[in-house]
Amino acid sequence: MMKELNQIEWKNLLKNMDTEEGRQEFISRVPSGIYGGKNEDGEEVITVVSQGFGMTIKTKHHEKPNWWECVDYDELGCMECVTYERAD
């Protein structure tokens, strides 16, 4: 049975997403799924997690509202690539 993350654990995981180690912990602890919200700049963000394997973070930046910036990370939290998808 998988343990649910409480609000404090979520906040701690999210505040460390700017480092490889923080992203690696996020990928290893967060259940596979699609998560949505806003970043600290108020931009729309969608995170697609494959627990233990990697994740994609899609951000709709204020200066490019018609596009999603999609950043793929491997299981170690290392960036693999950046692509763009049309935001319709």
Protein backbone atom coordinates (compact mmCIF):
# COMPACT_ATOMS: atom_id res chain seq x y z
CA MET A 1 0.00 0.00 0.00
CA MET A 2 1.37 3.40 -1.04
CA LYS A 3 1.60 6.15 1.59
CA GLU A 4 -0.29 9.36 0.86
CA LEU A 5 1.73 12.56 1.04
CA ASN A 6 0.46 15.23 3.45
CA GLN A 7 0.52 18.98 2.73
CA ILE A 8 3.84 19.53 4.51
CA GLU A 9 5.51 16.72 2.56
CA TRP A 10 4.13 18.15 -0.72
CA LYS A 11 5.45 21.62 0.09
CA ASN A 12 8.89 20.25 1.01
CA LEU A 13 9.07 18.24 -2.22
CA LEU A 14 7.94 21.19 -4.36
CA LYS A 15 10.37 23.70 -2.85
CA ASN A 16 13.34 21.54 -3.93
CA MET A 17 12.30 21.10 -7.58
CA ASP A 18 15.04 23.48 -8.74
CA THR A 19 17.78 20.90 -8.00
CA GLU A 20 18.51 17.49 -9.52
CA GLU A 21 18.40 15.93 -6.07
CA GLY A 22 15.03 17.54 -5.32
CA ARG A 23 13.56 16.38 -8.64
CA GLN A 24 14.95 12.87 -8.08
CA GLU A 25 13.25 12.71 -4.67
CA PHE A 26 10.00 14.01 -6.20
CA ILE A 27 10.10 11.35 -8.95
CA SER A 28 10.82 8.58 -6.45
CA ARG A 29 8.13 9.58 -3.91
CA VAL A 30 5.20 10.99 -5.86
CA PRO A 31 2.71 8.44 -7.24
CA SER A 32 2.41 8.21 -11.02
CA GLY A 33 -0.21 10.58 -12.34
CA ILE A 34 -1.00 14.01 -13.72
CA TYR A 35 -0.88 16.98 -11.37
CA GLY A 36 -1.90 20.56 -12.14
CA GLY A 37 -1.54 23.93 -10.48
CA LYS A 38 0.27 27.25 -10.67
CA ASN A 39 3.90 28.06 -9.99
CA GLU A 40 5.08 30.97 -7.82
CA ASP A 41 4.85 33.25 -10.89
CA GLY A 42 1.16 32.38 -11.31
CA GLU A 43 1.81 30.40 -14.50
CA GLU A 44 -0.21 27.28 -15.28
CA VAL A 45 1.79 24.07 -14.73
CA ILE A 46 1.01 20.42 -15.47
CA THR A 47 3.33 17.72 -14.13
CA VAL A 48 3.17 14.18 -15.51
CA VAL A 49 4.94 11.76 -13.16
CA SER A 50 5.98 8.19 -13.87
CA GLN A 51 7.10 7.22 -10.36
CA GLY A 52 10.66 5.94 -10.34
CA PHE A 53 11.15 6.59 -14.07
CA GLY A 54 10.87 10.31 -14.75
CA MET A 55 8.52 13.21 -15.32
CA THR A 56 7.51 15.96 -17.69
CA ILE A 57 6.77 19.48 -16.46
CA LYS A 58 4.62 21.56 -18.81
CA THR A 59 4.50 25.30 -18.17
CA LYS A 60 2.38 27.91 -19.92
CA HIS A 61 4.56 31.02 -19.49
CA HIS A 62 2.97 34.48 -19.38
CA GLU A 63 5.12 35.66 -22.29
CA LYS A 64 4.14 32.62 -24.46
CA PRO A 65 0.48 31.94 -23.59
CA ASN A 66 -0.16 29.92 -26.77
CA TRP A 67 2.54 27.35 -25.99
CA TRP A 68 3.39 24.80 -23.34
CA GLU A 69 7.10 24.51 -22.54
CA CYS A 70 7.63 20.78 -21.87
CA VAL A 71 10.73 19.77 -19.90
CA ASP A 72 11.47 16.05 -19.57
CA TYR A 73 13.50 14.69 -16.64
CA ASP A 74 14.93 11.21 -16.14
CA GLU A 75 14.72 9.15 -12.92
CA LEU A 76 17.76 10.99 -11.51
CA GLY A 77 16.13 14.40 -11.97
CA CYS A 78 18.41 15.33 -14.87
CA MET A 79 16.88 17.31 -17.73
CA GLU A 80 16.67 15.28 -20.93
CA CYS A 81 15.05 17.75 -23.35
CA VAL A 82 12.84 20.79 -23.82
CA THR A 83 10.05 20.83 -26.40
CA TYR A 84 7.03 23.02 -27.09
CA GLU A 85 3.40 22.04 -27.63
CA ARG A 86 0.64 24.24 -28.93
CA ALA A 87 -1.76 25.28 -26.14
CA ASP A 88 -5.21 25.36 -27.65
